[in-house]
């Protein structure tokens, strides 16, 4: 399943099988992380990839699909 989300006021296509962090970085947007490693399961401990959803809630991009 895929769709479109808005990041920094720009529409970005996404695939629901990818994490939000992958969608953001694939769109060419730099989002800093310390604990993210593609070879490991997402953990979200460093909290550097915090993003805000449309409801104003904060979440870690690396653990959000």
N, C-alpha and C. Protein backbone atom coordinates (compact mmCIF):
# COMPACT_ATOMS: atom_id res chain seq x y z
N UNK A 1 0.85 -1.17 0.00
CA UNK A 1 0.00 0.00 0.00
C UNK A 1 0.90 1.23 0.00
N UNK A 2 0.47 2.24 -0.70
CA UNK A 2 1.24 3.47 -0.77
C UNK A 2 0.30 4.66 -0.70
N UNK A 3 0.89 5.82 -0.59
CA UNK A 3 0.11 7.04 -0.51
C UNK A 3 1.02 8.24 -0.55
N UNK A 4 0.50 9.37 -0.08
CA UNK A 4 1.26 10.61 -0.06
C UNK A 4 1.13 11.25 1.32
N UNK A 5 2.24 11.73 1.85
CA UNK A 5 2.23 12.49 3.09
C UNK A 5 2.88 13.84 2.82
N UNK A 6 2.69 14.77 3.73
CA UNK A 6 3.28 16.10 3.59
C UNK A 6 4.43 16.24 4.57
N UNK A 7 5.62 16.56 4.04
CA UNK A 7 6.80 16.77 4.87
C UNK A 7 7.35 18.14 4.52
N UNK A 8 7.45 19.01 5.51
CA UNK A 8 7.93 20.39 5.29
C UNK A 8 7.14 21.07 4.17
N UNK A 9 5.83 20.91 4.21
CA UNK A 9 4.89 21.50 3.25
C UNK A 9 5.07 20.99 1.82
N UNK A 10 5.70 19.83 1.65
CA UNK A 10 5.88 19.23 0.33
C UNK A 10 5.26 17.83 0.33
N UNK A 11 4.49 17.48 -0.72
CA UNK A 11 3.94 16.12 -0.80
C UNK A 11 5.06 15.12 -1.10
N UNK A 12 5.04 14.00 -0.38
CA UNK A 12 6.05 12.96 -0.55
C UNK A 12 5.33 11.62 -0.65
N UNK A 13 5.63 10.86 -1.71
CA UNK A 13 5.04 9.53 -1.87
C UNK A 13 5.70 8.57 -0.88
N UNK A 14 4.92 7.59 -0.39
CA UNK A 14 5.47 6.63 0.55
C UNK A 14 4.92 5.24 0.29
N UNK A 15 5.64 4.27 0.81
CA UNK A 15 5.24 2.87 0.78
C UNK A 15 5.06 2.45 2.23
N UNK A 16 3.92 1.90 2.59
CA UNK A 16 3.64 1.58 3.99
C UNK A 16 4.57 0.53 4.58
N UNK A 17 5.31 -0.16 3.73
CA UNK A 17 6.24 -1.17 4.23
C UNK A 17 7.56 -0.55 4.70
N UNK A 18 7.75 0.73 4.46
CA UNK A 18 8.98 1.42 4.88
C UNK A 18 8.71 2.25 6.12
N UNK A 19 9.76 2.45 6.91
CA UNK A 19 9.62 3.31 8.09
C UNK A 19 9.53 4.76 7.64
N UNK A 20 9.03 5.60 8.51
CA UNK A 20 8.95 7.02 8.20
C UNK A 20 10.35 7.59 7.97
N UNK A 21 11.32 7.11 8.70
CA UNK A 21 12.71 7.56 8.50
C UNK A 21 13.17 7.24 7.09
N UNK A 22 12.87 6.04 6.59
CA UNK A 22 13.25 5.67 5.22
C UNK A 22 12.56 6.55 4.19
N UNK A 23 11.29 6.85 4.41
CA UNK A 23 10.54 7.72 3.50
C UNK A 23 11.18 9.11 3.47
N UNK A 24 11.49 9.64 4.65
CA UNK A 24 12.09 10.97 4.75
C UNK A 24 13.45 11.02 4.06
N UNK A 25 14.31 10.06 4.34
CA UNK A 25 15.64 10.08 3.74
C UNK A 25 15.58 9.79 2.24
N UNK A 26 14.66 8.94 1.79
CA UNK A 26 14.50 8.69 0.35
C UNK A 26 14.02 9.94 -0.38
N UNK A 27 13.35 10.84 0.35
CA UNK A 27 12.89 12.10 -0.24
C UNK A 27 14.00 13.14 -0.28
N UNK A 28 15.19 12.77 0.20
CA UNK A 28 16.33 13.69 0.17
C UNK A 28 16.38 14.64 1.35
N UNK A 29 15.61 14.36 2.39
CA UNK A 29 15.58 15.21 3.58
C UNK A 29 16.52 14.61 4.62
N UNK A 30 17.41 15.42 5.16
CA UNK A 30 18.38 14.97 6.15
C UNK A 30 17.72 14.95 7.52
N UNK A 31 17.67 13.79 8.14
CA UNK A 31 17.12 13.64 9.49
C UNK A 31 18.16 12.90 10.32
N UNK A 32 18.72 13.57 11.30
CA UNK A 32 19.82 13.01 12.08
C UNK A 32 19.35 11.88 12.99
N UNK A 33 20.21 10.90 13.16
CA UNK A 33 19.97 9.79 14.08
C UNK A 33 21.29 9.40 14.73
N UNK A 34 21.21 8.79 15.88
CA UNK A 34 22.40 8.22 16.53
C UNK A 34 22.28 6.70 16.64
N UNK A 35 21.09 6.20 16.94
CA UNK A 35 20.94 4.77 17.24
C UNK A 35 20.46 3.95 16.04
N UNK A 36 20.09 4.58 14.93
CA UNK A 36 19.55 3.83 13.79
C UNK A 36 20.65 3.10 13.03
N UNK A 37 20.40 1.83 12.74
CA UNK A 37 21.31 1.01 11.94
C UNK A 37 20.44 0.07 11.11
N UNK A 38 20.58 0.09 9.79
CA UNK A 38 19.76 -0.74 8.91
C UNK A 38 19.84 -2.23 9.25
N UNK A 39 20.94 -2.66 9.82
CA UNK A 39 21.14 -4.08 10.11
C UNK A 39 20.51 -4.51 11.43
N UNK A 40 19.98 -3.57 12.20
CA UNK A 40 19.37 -3.88 13.49
C UNK A 40 17.90 -3.48 13.49
N UNK A 41 17.13 -4.05 14.39
CA UNK A 41 15.73 -3.67 14.54
C UNK A 41 15.66 -2.24 15.06
N UNK A 42 14.67 -1.44 14.60
CA UNK A 42 14.53 -0.06 15.07
C UNK A 42 14.33 -0.02 16.58
N UNK A 43 14.96 0.94 17.22
CA UNK A 43 14.91 1.04 18.68
C UNK A 43 14.38 2.39 19.15
N UNK A 44 14.80 3.48 18.54
CA UNK A 44 14.30 4.81 18.87
C UNK A 44 14.82 5.38 20.17
N UNK A 45 15.92 4.88 20.67
CA UNK A 45 16.43 5.31 21.98
C UNK A 45 17.01 6.71 21.99
N UNK A 46 17.67 7.11 20.92
CA UNK A 46 18.36 8.41 20.95
C UNK A 46 17.39 9.59 20.83
N UNK A 47 16.23 9.36 20.25
CA UNK A 47 15.16 10.37 20.09
C UNK A 47 15.55 11.52 19.17
N UNK A 48 16.62 11.37 18.40
CA UNK A 48 17.04 12.45 17.49
C UNK A 48 16.14 12.56 16.27
N UNK A 49 15.44 11.49 15.92
CA UNK A 49 14.60 11.51 14.72
C UNK A 49 13.14 11.83 15.04
N UNK A 50 12.91 12.57 16.11
CA UNK A 50 11.55 12.95 16.50
C UNK A 50 10.92 13.81 15.41
N UNK A 51 9.70 13.44 15.03
CA UNK A 51 8.91 14.21 14.07
C UNK A 51 7.54 14.47 14.67
N UNK A 52 6.83 15.42 14.11
CA UNK A 52 5.49 15.78 14.59
C UNK A 52 4.47 15.39 13.54
N UNK A 53 3.41 14.69 13.96
CA UNK A 53 2.36 14.33 12.99
C UNK A 53 1.34 15.45 12.88
N UNK A 54 0.34 15.25 12.03
CA UNK A 54 -0.65 16.30 11.77
C UNK A 54 -1.49 16.66 12.99
N UNK A 55 -1.50 15.80 14.01
CA UNK A 55 -2.24 16.07 15.24
C UNK A 55 -1.36 16.73 16.30
N UNK A 56 -0.08 16.98 15.95
CA UNK A 56 0.84 17.61 16.89
C UNK A 56 1.52 16.64 17.82
N UNK A 57 1.30 15.34 17.63
CA UNK A 57 1.94 14.33 18.47
C UNK A 57 3.36 14.07 17.98
N UNK A 58 4.28 13.87 18.92
CA UNK A 58 5.67 13.59 18.58
C UNK A 58 5.89 12.08 18.53
N UNK A 59 6.71 11.64 17.56
CA UNK A 59 7.02 10.22 17.41
C UNK A 59 8.40 10.06 16.81
N UNK A 60 9.00 8.90 17.01
CA UNK A 60 10.30 8.65 16.40
C UNK A 60 10.09 8.13 14.99
N UNK A 61 10.79 8.73 14.04
CA UNK A 61 10.63 8.36 12.63
C UNK A 61 11.17 6.96 12.35
N UNK A 62 12.18 6.54 13.09
CA UNK A 62 12.79 5.24 12.80
C UNK A 62 11.89 4.07 13.21
N UNK A 63 10.98 4.29 14.16
CA UNK A 63 10.12 3.19 14.62
C UNK A 63 8.69 3.32 14.12
N UNK A 64 8.39 4.33 13.33
CA UNK A 64 7.04 4.57 12.83
C UNK A 64 6.93 4.10 11.40
N UNK A 65 6.00 3.19 11.16
CA UNK A 65 5.78 2.69 9.79
C UNK A 65 4.47 3.25 9.26
